[in-house]
């Protein structure tokens, strides 16, 4: 059996080393908060497996496209690797939103806003911010829990407790540069929000719930 890096470790490698296609930025070492305890490290090691086990989620994401703030609203089936999102500029005067579907190997982009036709695109996480968002979301689940040694090596720190939409969450930050932050629902250990400063303009994903999701792909894909 081949050995592979743990799921959270793979996510951190993508963000902290590769930058998910964004230009690397130098930041100061993060010393905010207290280093995560063994119990908290174990919880963090189970986060992505919990997403997979629950099946899927509705989500929102804030990103930057062509230098402008954009917002995505969608659904993802973590088990099949399929998802869909409506992505558009935060400023509606800049244009209407566009629908995307994806699998683990293909992105289907609406030919034009409101069109019933979709174009097949080869995933380009380094050149396309929407594809980078999709790739990021695809990393938010795993079939097995991570190795706690991998989590500890990323020096997670508990920043504190707060609330998101009224629900209590524990905020953790990863890495010497603090480039990835997770908000975990207190008690359930489920991922509520994750953010990275490595994507150009920043990228934040909110998982609104954790329930089974079924994604039907459009039949009108071309290309």
N, C-alpha and C. Protein backbone atom coordinates (compact mmCIF):
# COMPACT_ATOMS: atom_id res chain seq x y z
N UNK A 1 0.85 -1.20 0.00
CA UNK A 1 0.00 0.00 0.00
C UNK A 1 0.89 1.25 0.00
N UNK A 2 0.57 2.18 -0.87
CA UNK A 2 1.37 3.40 -0.93
C UNK A 2 1.08 4.30 0.26
N UNK A 3 2.12 4.93 0.77
CA UNK A 3 1.93 5.90 1.83
C UNK A 3 1.55 7.23 1.21
N UNK A 4 0.68 7.98 1.85
CA UNK A 4 0.30 9.30 1.33
C UNK A 4 0.23 10.29 2.47
N UNK A 5 0.40 11.54 2.16
CA UNK A 5 0.30 12.59 3.18
C UNK A 5 -1.11 12.66 3.69
N UNK A 6 -1.28 13.03 4.97
CA UNK A 6 -2.61 13.18 5.54
C UNK A 6 -3.38 14.28 4.84
N UNK A 7 -4.70 14.23 5.00
CA UNK A 7 -5.57 15.16 4.28
C UNK A 7 -5.32 16.60 4.68
N UNK A 8 -5.29 16.86 5.97
CA UNK A 8 -5.06 18.23 6.41
C UNK A 8 -3.64 18.66 6.06
N UNK A 9 -2.71 17.72 6.15
CA UNK A 9 -1.34 18.03 5.76
C UNK A 9 -1.29 18.43 4.28
N UNK A 10 -2.03 17.70 3.43
CA UNK A 10 -2.06 18.03 2.01
C UNK A 10 -2.65 19.41 1.78
N UNK A 11 -3.69 19.74 2.52
CA UNK A 11 -4.30 21.06 2.40
C UNK A 11 -3.31 22.14 2.80
N UNK A 12 -2.59 21.91 3.88
CA UNK A 12 -1.61 22.89 4.35
C UNK A 12 -0.46 23.04 3.36
N UNK A 13 -0.03 21.92 2.78
CA UNK A 13 1.04 21.99 1.79
C UNK A 13 0.60 22.84 0.62
N UNK A 14 -0.64 22.62 0.16
CA UNK A 14 -1.17 23.40 -0.96
C UNK A 14 -1.18 24.88 -0.64
N UNK A 15 -1.62 25.22 0.56
CA UNK A 15 -1.80 26.62 0.92
C UNK A 15 -0.49 27.29 1.33
N UNK A 16 0.28 26.60 2.15
CA UNK A 16 1.45 27.25 2.72
C UNK A 16 2.66 27.19 1.80
N UNK A 17 2.74 26.18 0.95
CA UNK A 17 3.89 26.06 0.06
C UNK A 17 3.54 26.47 -1.36
N UNK A 18 2.51 25.85 -1.93
CA UNK A 18 2.16 26.16 -3.31
C UNK A 18 1.33 27.43 -3.42
N UNK A 19 0.60 27.75 -2.40
CA UNK A 19 -0.19 28.97 -2.40
C UNK A 19 -1.43 28.89 -3.26
N UNK A 20 -1.82 27.67 -3.71
CA UNK A 20 -3.02 27.48 -4.53
C UNK A 20 -3.05 28.45 -5.71
N UNK A 21 -1.88 28.70 -6.30
CA UNK A 21 -1.84 29.52 -7.50
C UNK A 21 -1.60 30.99 -7.24
N UNK A 22 -1.66 31.41 -6.01
CA UNK A 22 -1.44 32.83 -5.71
C UNK A 22 0.05 33.10 -5.59
N UNK A 23 0.43 34.36 -5.71
CA UNK A 23 1.81 34.73 -5.51
C UNK A 23 2.16 34.61 -4.03
N UNK A 24 3.36 34.12 -3.75
CA UNK A 24 3.81 33.98 -2.37
C UNK A 24 3.98 35.34 -1.73
N UNK A 25 3.64 35.44 -0.45
CA UNK A 25 3.82 36.68 0.29
C UNK A 25 4.56 36.38 1.58
N UNK A 26 5.45 37.25 1.98
CA UNK A 26 6.16 37.10 3.22
C UNK A 26 5.35 37.73 4.35
N UNK A 27 5.10 36.96 5.40
CA UNK A 27 4.38 37.48 6.55
C UNK A 27 5.15 37.12 7.80
N UNK A 28 4.85 37.79 8.89
CA UNK A 28 5.55 37.55 10.14
C UNK A 28 5.06 36.26 10.79
N UNK A 29 5.93 35.67 11.56
CA UNK A 29 5.57 34.48 12.31
C UNK A 29 4.42 34.80 13.26
N UNK A 30 3.40 33.93 13.26
CA UNK A 30 2.24 34.14 14.11
C UNK A 30 2.48 33.55 15.49
N UNK A 31 2.36 34.37 16.51
CA UNK A 31 2.49 33.90 17.89
C UNK A 31 1.22 34.19 18.67
N UNK A 32 0.14 34.53 17.96
CA UNK A 32 -1.13 34.83 18.62
C UNK A 32 -1.75 33.56 19.16
N UNK A 33 -2.37 33.67 20.35
CA UNK A 33 -3.07 32.53 20.92
C UNK A 33 -2.13 31.52 21.56
N UNK A 34 -2.73 30.39 21.98
CA UNK A 34 -1.98 29.34 22.66
C UNK A 34 -1.85 28.12 21.76
N UNK A 35 -0.73 27.45 21.84
CA UNK A 35 -0.54 26.25 21.02
C UNK A 35 -1.63 25.24 21.36
N UNK A 36 -2.17 24.58 20.33
CA UNK A 36 -3.26 23.63 20.51
C UNK A 36 -2.83 22.48 21.42
N UNK A 37 -3.74 22.05 22.29
CA UNK A 37 -3.48 20.91 23.17
C UNK A 37 -3.58 19.61 22.37
N UNK A 38 -3.19 18.50 22.99
CA UNK A 38 -3.28 17.20 22.32
C UNK A 38 -4.72 16.89 21.92
N UNK A 39 -5.67 17.22 22.80
CA UNK A 39 -7.08 16.96 22.50
C UNK A 39 -7.55 17.81 21.32
N UNK A 40 -7.09 19.05 21.26
CA UNK A 40 -7.47 19.93 20.16
C UNK A 40 -6.81 19.48 18.86
N UNK A 41 -5.58 19.01 18.92
CA UNK A 41 -4.91 18.48 17.73
C UNK A 41 -5.67 17.28 17.19
N UNK A 42 -6.14 16.40 18.08
CA UNK A 42 -6.92 15.24 17.64
C UNK A 42 -8.21 15.69 16.96
N UNK A 43 -8.87 16.71 17.52
CA UNK A 43 -10.09 17.22 16.91
C UNK A 43 -9.80 17.76 15.51
N UNK A 44 -8.70 18.52 15.36
CA UNK A 44 -8.33 19.07 14.06
C UNK A 44 -8.01 17.96 13.06
N UNK A 45 -7.44 16.87 13.55
CA UNK A 45 -7.11 15.75 12.67
C UNK A 45 -8.37 15.07 12.14
N UNK A 46 -9.48 15.24 12.84
CA UNK A 46 -10.74 14.58 12.46
C UNK A 46 -11.67 15.47 11.64
N UNK A 47 -11.32 16.76 11.48
CA UNK A 47 -12.24 17.72 10.87
C UNK A 47 -12.63 17.33 9.46
N UNK A 48 -11.67 17.05 8.60
CA UNK A 48 -11.98 16.77 7.20
C UNK A 48 -12.68 15.43 7.04
N UNK A 49 -12.36 14.46 7.88
CA UNK A 49 -13.07 13.18 7.84
C UNK A 49 -14.52 13.36 8.25
N UNK A 50 -14.77 14.28 9.19
CA UNK A 50 -16.15 14.56 9.61
C UNK A 50 -16.96 15.15 8.46
N UNK A 51 -16.33 16.04 7.67
CA UNK A 51 -17.01 16.60 6.50
C UNK A 51 -17.41 15.49 5.53
N UNK A 52 -16.48 14.55 5.28
CA UNK A 52 -16.77 13.45 4.35
C UNK A 52 -17.88 12.57 4.89
N UNK A 53 -17.82 12.26 6.17
CA UNK A 53 -18.80 11.37 6.77
C UNK A 53 -20.19 11.96 6.75
N UNK A 54 -20.31 13.27 6.94
CA UNK A 54 -21.61 13.92 6.92
C UNK A 54 -22.18 14.04 5.50
N UNK A 55 -21.34 13.93 4.50
CA UNK A 55 -21.83 13.83 3.13
C UNK A 55 -21.59 15.03 2.26
N UNK A 56 -21.97 16.21 2.71
CA UNK A 56 -21.83 17.40 1.87
C UNK A 56 -22.20 18.64 2.66
N UNK A 57 -22.32 19.75 1.94
CA UNK A 57 -22.64 21.01 2.62
C UNK A 57 -23.10 22.05 1.61
N UNK A 58 -23.92 22.97 2.07
CA UNK A 58 -24.13 24.21 1.36
C UNK A 58 -23.01 25.16 1.79
N UNK A 59 -22.62 26.06 0.91
CA UNK A 59 -21.51 26.94 1.26
C UNK A 59 -21.66 28.30 0.60
N UNK A 60 -20.96 29.25 1.17
CA UNK A 60 -20.71 30.53 0.52
C UNK A 60 -19.21 30.75 0.52
N UNK A 61 -18.73 31.53 -0.43
CA UNK A 61 -17.30 31.82 -0.49
C UNK A 61 -17.10 33.25 -0.93
N UNK A 62 -16.10 33.87 -0.36
CA UNK A 62 -15.68 35.22 -0.76
C UNK A 62 -14.29 35.11 -1.37
N UNK A 63 -14.13 35.62 -2.57
CA UNK A 63 -12.89 35.53 -3.30
C UNK A 63 -12.69 36.81 -4.11
N UNK A 64 -11.65 36.83 -4.92
CA UNK A 64 -11.40 37.98 -5.78
C UNK A 64 -11.20 37.48 -7.21
N UNK A 65 -11.93 38.09 -8.14
CA UNK A 65 -11.85 37.72 -9.56
C UNK A 65 -11.54 38.99 -10.35
N UNK A 66 -10.48 38.94 -11.13
CA UNK A 66 -10.06 40.09 -11.94
C UNK A 66 -9.92 41.36 -11.09
N UNK A 67 -9.40 41.18 -9.89
CA UNK A 67 -9.15 42.31 -9.01
C UNK A 67 -10.38 42.87 -8.31
N UNK A 68 -11.53 42.20 -8.47
CA UNK A 68 -12.76 42.68 -7.85
C UNK A 68 -13.31 41.65 -6.87
N UNK A 69 -13.90 42.08 -5.75
CA UNK A 69 -14.50 41.14 -4.81
C UNK A 69 -15.64 40.37 -5.47
N UNK A 70 -15.66 39.07 -5.25
CA UNK A 70 -16.71 38.22 -5.80
C UNK A 70 -17.24 37.31 -4.70
N UNK A 71 -18.43 36.79 -4.93
CA UNK A 71 -19.07 35.91 -3.95
C UNK A 71 -19.65 34.70 -4.66
N UNK A 72 -19.49 33.55 -4.05
CA UNK A 72 -20.04 32.30 -4.58
C UNK A 72 -21.03 31.72 -3.58
N UNK A 73 -22.10 31.16 -4.10
CA UNK A 73 -23.09 30.46 -3.29
C UNK A 73 -23.34 29.11 -3.95
N UNK A 74 -23.17 28.02 -3.18
CA UNK A 74 -23.31 26.73 -3.83
C UNK A 74 -23.49 25.56 -2.89
N UNK A 75 -23.31 24.38 -3.47
CA UNK A 75 -23.45 23.11 -2.75
C UNK A 75 -22.32 22.18 -3.19
N UNK A 76 -21.89 21.31 -2.28
CA UNK A 76 -20.84 20.36 -2.61
C UNK A 76 -21.18 19.01 -2.01
N UNK A 77 -20.97 17.96 -2.80
CA UNK A 77 -21.09 16.58 -2.34
C UNK A 77 -19.67 16.07 -2.11
N UNK A 78 -19.24 16.03 -0.87
CA UNK A 78 -17.87 15.65 -0.57
C UNK A 78 -17.57 14.21 -0.97
N UNK A 79 -18.57 13.34 -0.97
CA UNK A 79 -18.31 11.94 -1.26
C UNK A 79 -18.07 11.69 -2.75
N UNK A 80 -18.82 12.36 -3.61
CA UNK A 80 -18.65 12.16 -5.04
C UNK A 80 -17.63 13.12 -5.65
N UNK A 81 -17.32 14.21 -4.93
CA UNK A 81 -16.42 15.21 -5.47
C UNK A 81 -17.10 16.17 -6.43
N UNK A 82 -18.43 16.15 -6.46
CA UNK A 82 -19.18 17.06 -7.33
C UNK A 82 -19.64 18.29 -6.55
N UNK A 83 -19.78 19.38 -7.30
CA UNK A 83 -20.29 20.59 -6.67
C UNK A 83 -20.85 21.53 -7.71
N UNK A 84 -21.51 22.57 -7.23
CA UNK A 84 -22.02 23.62 -8.10
C UNK A 84 -22.04 24.93 -7.34
N UNK A 85 -21.84 26.03 -8.05
CA UNK A 85 -21.84 27.34 -7.42
C UNK A 85 -22.23 28.41 -8.42
N UNK A 86 -22.90 29.41 -7.92
CA UNK A 86 -23.21 30.61 -8.69
C UNK A 86 -22.21 31.66 -8.24
N UNK A 87 -21.39 32.16 -9.16
CA UNK A 87 -20.30 33.07 -8.83
C UNK A 87 -20.50 34.39 -9.55
N UNK A 88 -20.44 35.48 -8.81
CA UNK A 88 -20.61 36.78 -9.43
C UNK A 88 -19.95 37.88 -8.62
N UNK A 89 -19.77 39.04 -9.22
CA UNK A 89 -19.16 40.16 -8.49
C UNK A 89 -20.05 40.63 -7.36
N UNK A 90 -19.42 41.07 -6.27
CA UNK A 90 -20.19 41.63 -5.15
C UNK A 90 -20.93 42.88 -5.61
N UNK A 91 -20.32 43.66 -6.48
CA UNK A 91 -20.96 44.84 -7.06
C UNK A 91 -21.77 44.40 -8.29
N UNK A 92 -23.11 44.35 -8.19
CA UNK A 92 -23.91 43.84 -9.31
C UNK A 92 -23.78 44.66 -10.58
N UNK A 93 -23.30 45.91 -10.47
CA UNK A 93 -23.15 46.73 -11.67
C UNK A 93 -22.03 46.22 -12.57
N UNK A 94 -21.17 45.33 -12.03
CA UNK A 94 -20.06 44.79 -12.81
C UNK A 94 -20.47 43.59 -13.66
N UNK A 95 -21.71 43.13 -13.50
CA UNK A 95 -22.17 42.02 -14.34
C UNK A 95 -22.92 40.98 -13.54
N UNK A 96 -23.69 40.12 -14.23
CA UNK A 96 -24.48 39.09 -13.57
C UNK A 96 -23.63 37.89 -13.16
N UNK A 97 -24.12 37.06 -12.26
CA UNK A 97 -23.37 35.87 -11.85
C UNK A 97 -23.41 34.78 -12.92
N UNK A 98 -22.51 33.83 -12.78
CA UNK A 98 -22.37 32.73 -13.73
C UNK A 98 -22.33 31.42 -12.96
N UNK A 99 -22.98 30.39 -13.48
CA UNK A 99 -23.07 29.09 -12.80
C UNK A 99 -21.90 28.19 -13.22
N UNK A 100 -21.37 27.47 -12.23
CA UNK A 100 -20.32 26.47 -12.47
C UNK A 100 -20.73 25.14 -11.85
N UNK A 101 -20.39 24.05 -12.50
CA UNK A 101 -20.46 22.71 -11.93
C UNK A 101 -19.05 22.13 -11.99
N UNK A 102 -18.80 21.11 -11.17
CA UNK A 102 -17.49 20.46 -11.24
C UNK A 102 -17.54 19.03 -10.73
N UNK A 103 -16.56 18.27 -11.20
CA UNK A 103 -16.26 16.95 -10.66
C UNK A 103 -14.81 17.00 -10.19
N UNK A 104 -14.25 15.85 -9.86
CA UNK A 104 -12.86 15.86 -9.41
C UNK A 104 -11.90 16.12 -10.57
N UNK A 105 -12.37 16.02 -11.80
CA UNK A 105 -11.46 16.17 -12.94
C UNK A 105 -11.88 17.23 -13.95
N UNK A 106 -13.07 17.78 -13.83
CA UNK A 106 -13.60 18.68 -14.86
C UNK A 106 -14.38 19.82 -14.23
N UNK A 107 -14.29 20.99 -14.84
CA UNK A 107 -15.12 22.13 -14.49
C UNK A 107 -16.06 22.41 -15.66
N UNK A 108 -17.35 22.59 -15.38
CA UNK A 108 -18.34 22.94 -16.38
C UNK A 108 -18.77 24.38 -16.11
N UNK A 109 -18.44 25.27 -17.02
CA UNK A 109 -18.71 26.69 -16.84
C UNK A 109 -19.86 27.11 -17.75
N UNK A 110 -20.81 27.83 -17.18
CA UNK A 110 -21.91 28.35 -17.97
C UNK A 110 -21.36 29.19 -19.13
N UNK A 111 -21.85 28.91 -20.35
CA UNK A 111 -21.32 29.59 -21.53
C UNK A 111 -21.45 31.10 -21.41
N UNK A 112 -22.54 31.56 -20.82
CA UNK A 112 -22.77 32.97 -20.53
C UNK A 112 -23.79 33.02 -19.42
N UNK A 113 -23.87 34.11 -18.67
CA UNK A 113 -24.85 34.19 -17.58
C UNK A 113 -26.27 33.90 -18.08
N UNK A 114 -26.93 32.96 -17.41
CA UNK A 114 -28.29 32.60 -17.77
C UNK A 114 -28.40 31.55 -18.85
N UNK A 115 -27.29 31.16 -19.48
CA UNK A 115 -27.32 30.19 -20.57
C UNK A 115 -27.60 28.79 -20.06
N UNK A 116 -28.21 27.97 -20.92
CA UNK A 116 -28.45 26.57 -20.58
C UNK A 116 -27.28 25.69 -21.04
N UNK A 117 -26.32 26.28 -21.69
CA UNK A 117 -25.17 25.53 -22.20
C UNK A 117 -23.94 25.76 -21.32
N UNK A 118 -23.14 24.70 -21.20
CA UNK A 118 -21.95 24.74 -20.37
C UNK A 118 -20.73 24.30 -21.17
N UNK A 119 -19.61 24.91 -20.88
CA UNK A 119 -18.35 24.60 -21.54
C UNK A 119 -17.45 23.82 -20.59
N UNK A 120 -16.86 22.74 -21.11
CA UNK A 120 -15.92 21.96 -20.30
C UNK A 120 -14.58 22.68 -20.23
N UNK A 121 -14.06 22.80 -19.02
CA UNK A 121 -12.77 23.46 -18.81
C UNK A 121 -11.84 22.54 -18.03
N UNK A 122 -10.59 22.51 -18.45
CA UNK A 122 -9.58 21.78 -17.68
C UNK A 122 -9.25 22.59 -16.43
N UNK A 123 -9.33 21.99 -15.25
CA UNK A 123 -9.05 22.75 -14.03
C UNK A 123 -7.70 23.46 -14.08
N UNK A 124 -7.71 24.74 -13.77
CA UNK A 124 -6.50 25.57 -13.79
C UNK A 124 -6.47 26.37 -12.49
N UNK A 125 -6.03 25.72 -11.41
CA UNK A 125 -6.05 26.36 -10.10
C UNK A 125 -5.01 27.46 -9.97
N UNK A 126 -4.03 27.48 -10.86
CA UNK A 126 -2.97 28.49 -10.77
C UNK A 126 -3.29 29.74 -11.57
N UNK A 127 -4.24 29.65 -12.51
CA UNK A 127 -4.53 30.79 -13.35
C UNK A 127 -5.95 31.29 -13.29
N UNK A 128 -6.85 30.50 -12.71
CA UNK A 128 -8.26 30.85 -12.67
C UNK A 128 -8.74 30.88 -11.22
N UNK A 129 -9.12 32.04 -10.69
CA UNK A 129 -9.49 32.11 -9.27
C UNK A 129 -10.73 31.29 -8.92
N UNK A 130 -11.65 31.12 -9.86
CA UNK A 130 -12.82 30.27 -9.59
C UNK A 130 -12.39 28.81 -9.50
N UNK A 131 -11.51 28.39 -10.39
CA UNK A 131 -11.00 27.03 -10.31
C UNK A 131 -10.20 26.82 -9.03
N UNK A 132 -9.46 27.84 -8.60
CA UNK A 132 -8.72 27.74 -7.34
C UNK A 132 -9.68 27.56 -6.17
N UNK A 133 -10.80 28.29 -6.18
CA UNK A 133 -11.81 28.13 -5.14
C UNK A 133 -12.36 26.71 -5.14
N UNK A 134 -12.65 26.18 -6.33
CA UNK A 134 -13.18 24.83 -6.46
C UNK A 134 -12.17 23.81 -5.91
N UNK A 135 -10.91 23.97 -6.29
CA UNK A 135 -9.89 23.06 -5.79
C UNK A 135 -9.75 23.12 -4.29
N UNK A 136 -9.87 24.32 -3.73
CA UNK A 136 -9.81 24.52 -2.28
C UNK A 136 -10.96 23.79 -1.59
N UNK A 137 -12.18 23.95 -2.14
CA UNK A 137 -13.35 23.29 -1.55
C UNK A 137 -13.20 21.77 -1.63
N UNK A 138 -12.64 21.28 -2.74
CA UNK A 138 -12.47 19.84 -2.89
C UNK A 138 -11.51 19.25 -1.85
N UNK A 139 -10.67 20.09 -1.25
CA UNK A 139 -9.74 19.62 -0.24
C UNK A 139 -10.34 19.60 1.17
N UNK A 140 -11.60 20.01 1.30
CA UNK A 140 -12.18 20.15 2.63
C UNK A 140 -12.85 18.89 3.15
N UNK A 141 -12.49 17.73 2.60
CA UNK A 141 -12.99 16.47 3.13
C UNK A 141 -11.97 15.38 2.88
N UNK A 142 -12.05 14.31 3.66
CA UNK A 142 -11.13 13.18 3.52
C UNK A 142 -11.81 11.93 4.07
N UNK A 143 -11.47 10.79 3.49
CA UNK A 143 -12.09 9.54 3.92
C UNK A 143 -11.55 9.04 5.25
N UNK A 144 -10.37 9.48 5.64
CA UNK A 144 -9.77 9.03 6.89
C UNK A 144 -9.29 10.24 7.69
N UNK A 145 -9.10 10.04 8.98
CA UNK A 145 -8.59 11.13 9.80
C UNK A 145 -7.10 11.31 9.53
N UNK A 146 -6.61 12.49 9.82
CA UNK A 146 -5.21 12.80 9.57
C UNK A 146 -4.35 12.25 10.70
N UNK A 147 -3.05 12.21 10.43
CA UNK A 147 -2.08 11.83 11.44
C UNK A 147 -1.86 13.02 12.37
N UNK A 148 -2.02 12.82 13.65
CA UNK A 148 -1.88 13.94 14.59
C UNK A 148 -0.48 14.54 14.56
N UNK A 149 0.54 13.74 14.20
CA UNK A 149 1.90 14.28 14.10
C UNK A 149 1.98 15.32 12.98
N UNK A 150 1.24 15.08 11.88
CA UNK A 150 1.22 16.07 10.79
C UNK A 150 0.59 17.37 11.25
N UNK A 151 -0.48 17.25 12.03
CA UNK A 151 -1.16 18.45 12.53
C UNK A 151 -0.25 19.21 13.48
N UNK A 152 0.38 18.51 14.40
CA UNK A 152 1.28 19.17 15.36
C UNK A 152 2.42 19.88 14.65
N UNK A 153 2.92 19.28 13.56
CA UNK A 153 4.04 19.88 12.83
C UNK A 153 3.66 21.21 12.20
N UNK A 154 2.35 21.42 11.97
CA UNK A 154 1.89 22.68 11.39
C UNK A 154 1.66 23.75 12.45
N UNK A 155 2.00 23.45 13.69
CA UNK A 155 1.92 24.37 14.83
C UNK A 155 0.57 25.11 14.91
N UNK A 156 -0.54 24.37 15.02
CA UNK A 156 -1.84 25.04 15.17
C UNK A 156 -1.92 25.75 16.51
N UNK A 157 -2.60 26.90 16.50
CA UNK A 157 -2.78 27.68 17.71
C UNK A 157 -4.25 28.03 17.88
N UNK A 158 -4.73 27.92 19.11
CA UNK A 158 -6.09 28.33 19.43
C UNK A 158 -6.10 29.83 19.65
N UNK A 159 -6.78 30.55 18.76
CA UNK A 159 -6.83 32.01 18.85
C UNK A 159 -7.86 32.45 19.89
N UNK A 160 -8.96 31.70 19.97
CA UNK A 160 -10.00 32.04 20.94
C UNK A 160 -11.34 31.49 20.52
N UNK A 161 -12.37 31.89 21.23
CA UNK A 161 -13.74 31.48 20.92
C UNK A 161 -14.55 32.69 20.47
N UNK A 162 -15.43 32.47 19.51
CA UNK A 162 -16.31 33.53 19.05
C UNK A 162 -17.61 32.89 18.57
N UNK A 163 -18.42 33.63 17.82
CA UNK A 163 -19.67 33.10 17.28
C UNK A 163 -19.78 33.47 15.81
N UNK A 164 -20.34 32.56 15.04
CA UNK A 164 -20.67 32.79 13.64
C UNK A 164 -22.15 32.48 13.46
N UNK A 165 -22.92 33.48 13.05
CA UNK A 165 -24.37 33.32 12.91
C UNK A 165 -25.00 32.76 14.18
N UNK A 166 -24.47 33.20 15.33
CA UNK A 166 -25.01 32.80 16.62
C UNK A 166 -24.47 31.51 17.19
N UNK A 167 -23.73 30.74 16.39
CA UNK A 167 -23.21 29.45 16.86
C UNK A 167 -21.79 29.63 17.40
N UNK A 168 -21.49 29.04 18.56
CA UNK A 168 -20.14 29.17 19.12
C UNK A 168 -19.12 28.38 18.30
N UNK A 169 -17.95 28.98 18.07
CA UNK A 169 -16.88 28.34 17.32
C UNK A 169 -15.55 28.57 18.01
N UNK A 170 -14.63 27.63 17.79
CA UNK A 170 -13.25 27.77 18.24
C UNK A 170 -12.40 28.14 17.03
N UNK A 171 -11.59 29.17 17.16
CA UNK A 171 -10.78 29.65 16.04
C UNK A 171 -9.34 29.17 16.18
N UNK A 172 -8.86 28.50 15.14
CA UNK A 172 -7.49 27.99 15.12
C UNK A 172 -6.73 28.59 13.93
N UNK A 173 -5.44 28.79 14.12
CA UNK A 173 -4.60 29.31 13.04
C UNK A 173 -3.42 28.37 12.86
N UNK A 174 -3.05 28.14 11.58
CA UNK A 174 -2.01 27.19 11.23
C UNK A 174 -0.77 27.88 10.69
N UNK A 175 0.36 27.22 10.90
CA UNK A 175 1.58 27.59 10.22
C UNK A 175 2.32 28.75 10.86
N UNK A 176 3.61 28.82 10.58
CA UNK A 176 4.43 29.90 11.13
C UNK A 176 3.95 31.26 10.66
N UNK A 177 3.40 31.30 9.44
CA UNK A 177 2.94 32.58 8.89
C UNK A 177 1.46 32.83 9.14
N UNK A 178 0.77 31.87 9.74
CA UNK A 178 -0.64 32.06 10.05
C UNK A 178 -1.49 32.27 8.81
N UNK A 179 -1.18 31.54 7.72
CA UNK A 179 -1.85 31.78 6.45
C UNK A 179 -3.19 31.07 6.31
N UNK A 180 -3.51 30.19 7.24
CA UNK A 180 -4.78 29.49 7.17
C UNK A 180 -5.44 29.52 8.55
N UNK A 181 -6.71 29.85 8.56
CA UNK A 181 -7.47 29.94 9.81
C UNK A 181 -8.73 29.09 9.67
N UNK A 182 -9.04 28.33 10.71
CA UNK A 182 -10.24 27.50 10.73
C UNK A 182 -11.11 27.89 11.92
N UNK A 183 -12.41 27.90 11.70
CA UNK A 183 -13.38 28.09 12.77
C UNK A 183 -14.17 26.79 12.89
N UNK A 184 -14.04 26.13 14.04
CA UNK A 184 -14.65 24.82 14.26
C UNK A 184 -15.83 24.97 15.22
N UNK A 185 -16.96 24.38 14.85
CA UNK A 185 -18.14 24.46 15.72
C UNK A 185 -17.85 23.79 17.06
N UNK A 186 -18.02 24.54 18.13
CA UNK A 186 -17.74 24.04 19.47
C UNK A 186 -18.67 22.88 19.79
N UNK A 187 -18.09 21.79 20.25
CA UNK A 187 -18.89 20.63 20.63
C UNK A 187 -18.95 19.58 19.55
N UNK A 188 -19.36 19.97 18.32
CA UNK A 188 -19.50 18.98 17.24
C UNK A 188 -18.18 18.72 16.52
N UNK A 189 -17.25 19.67 16.55
CA UNK A 189 -15.99 19.51 15.85
C UNK A 189 -16.10 19.62 14.34
N UNK A 190 -17.20 20.19 13.84
CA UNK A 190 -17.40 20.34 12.40
C UNK A 190 -16.84 21.67 11.91
N UNK A 191 -16.32 21.66 10.69
CA UNK A 191 -15.76 22.88 10.11
C UNK A 191 -16.88 23.85 9.75
N UNK A 192 -16.79 25.07 10.25
CA UNK A 192 -17.79 26.11 9.96
C UNK A 192 -17.26 27.13 8.95
N UNK A 193 -15.98 27.47 9.07
CA UNK A 193 -15.39 28.46 8.18
C UNK A 193 -13.90 28.17 8.06
N UNK A 194 -13.35 28.47 6.88
CA UNK A 194 -11.91 28.35 6.66
C UNK A 194 -11.48 29.49 5.75
N UNK A 195 -10.34 30.07 6.06
CA UNK A 195 -9.85 31.23 5.29
C UNK A 195 -8.36 31.11 5.06
N UNK A 196 -7.92 31.60 3.91
CA UNK A 196 -6.50 31.67 3.62
C UNK A 196 -6.17 33.03 3.02
N UNK A 197 -5.02 33.54 3.37
CA UNK A 197 -4.52 34.79 2.79
C UNK A 197 -3.61 34.52 1.61
N UNK A 198 -3.38 33.25 1.27
CA UNK A 198 -2.48 32.91 0.19
C UNK A 198 -3.09 33.16 -1.18
N UNK A 199 -4.41 33.03 -1.31
CA UNK A 199 -5.05 33.36 -2.58
C UNK A 199 -5.03 34.87 -2.77
N UNK A 200 -4.85 35.31 -3.99
CA UNK A 200 -4.82 36.74 -4.28
C UNK A 200 -6.13 37.38 -3.84
N UNK A 201 -6.04 38.35 -2.92
CA UNK A 201 -7.24 38.99 -2.39
C UNK A 201 -7.88 38.23 -1.25
N UNK A 202 -7.35 37.04 -0.94
CA UNK A 202 -7.90 36.23 0.14
C UNK A 202 -9.04 35.36 -0.33
N UNK A 203 -9.27 34.25 0.37
CA UNK A 203 -10.36 33.33 0.08
C UNK A 203 -10.93 32.81 1.38
N UNK A 204 -12.24 32.94 1.55
CA UNK A 204 -12.94 32.45 2.74
C UNK A 204 -14.11 31.60 2.31
N UNK A 205 -14.26 30.42 2.92
CA UNK A 205 -15.37 29.52 2.63
C UNK A 205 -16.13 29.25 3.91
N UNK A 206 -17.45 29.45 3.86
CA UNK A 206 -18.33 29.13 4.98
C UNK A 206 -19.15 27.90 4.63
N UNK A 207 -19.10 26.87 5.47
CA UNK A 207 -19.96 25.71 5.31
C UNK A 207 -21.20 25.95 6.16
N UNK A 208 -22.34 26.14 5.47
CA UNK A 208 -23.56 26.56 6.17
C UNK A 208 -24.16 25.40 6.95
N UNK A 209 -24.08 24.20 6.41
CA UNK A 209 -24.56 23.02 7.13
C UNK A 209 -23.77 21.81 6.66
N UNK A 210 -24.04 20.67 7.26
CA UNK A 210 -23.36 19.43 6.90
C UNK A 210 -24.40 18.33 6.75
N UNK A 211 -24.86 18.14 5.53
CA UNK A 211 -25.90 17.16 5.23
C UNK A 211 -25.58 16.50 3.89
N UNK A 212 -26.16 15.32 3.63
CA UNK A 212 -25.96 14.70 2.31
C UNK A 212 -26.46 15.62 1.20
N UNK A 213 -25.69 15.73 0.14
CA UNK A 213 -26.01 16.57 -1.00
C UNK A 213 -25.88 15.73 -2.28
N UNK A 214 -26.82 15.89 -3.21
CA UNK A 214 -26.73 15.24 -4.51
C UNK A 214 -26.63 16.31 -5.58
N UNK A 215 -25.63 16.18 -6.44
CA UNK A 215 -25.40 17.14 -7.51
C UNK A 215 -25.66 16.47 -8.85
N UNK A 216 -26.64 16.96 -9.60
CA UNK A 216 -26.89 16.49 -10.95
C UNK A 216 -26.22 17.43 -11.94
N UNK A 217 -25.35 16.90 -12.77
CA UNK A 217 -24.62 17.71 -13.73
C UNK A 217 -25.53 18.07 -14.90
N UNK A 218 -25.29 19.23 -15.51
CA UNK A 218 -26.11 19.63 -16.67
C UNK A 218 -25.85 18.71 -17.86
N UNK A 219 -26.87 18.50 -18.68
CA UNK A 219 -26.73 17.64 -19.85
C UNK A 219 -26.29 18.41 -21.08
N UNK A 220 -26.16 19.69 -20.94
CA UNK A 220 -25.88 20.54 -22.10
C UNK A 220 -24.43 20.99 -22.16
N UNK A 221 -23.53 20.20 -21.58
CA UNK A 221 -22.11 20.56 -21.59
C UNK A 221 -21.55 20.38 -23.00
N UNK A 222 -20.77 21.35 -23.47
CA UNK A 222 -20.15 21.28 -24.78
C UNK A 222 -18.64 21.30 -24.64
N UNK A 223 -17.97 20.89 -25.70
CA UNK A 223 -16.52 20.95 -25.72
C UNK A 223 -15.89 19.63 -25.39
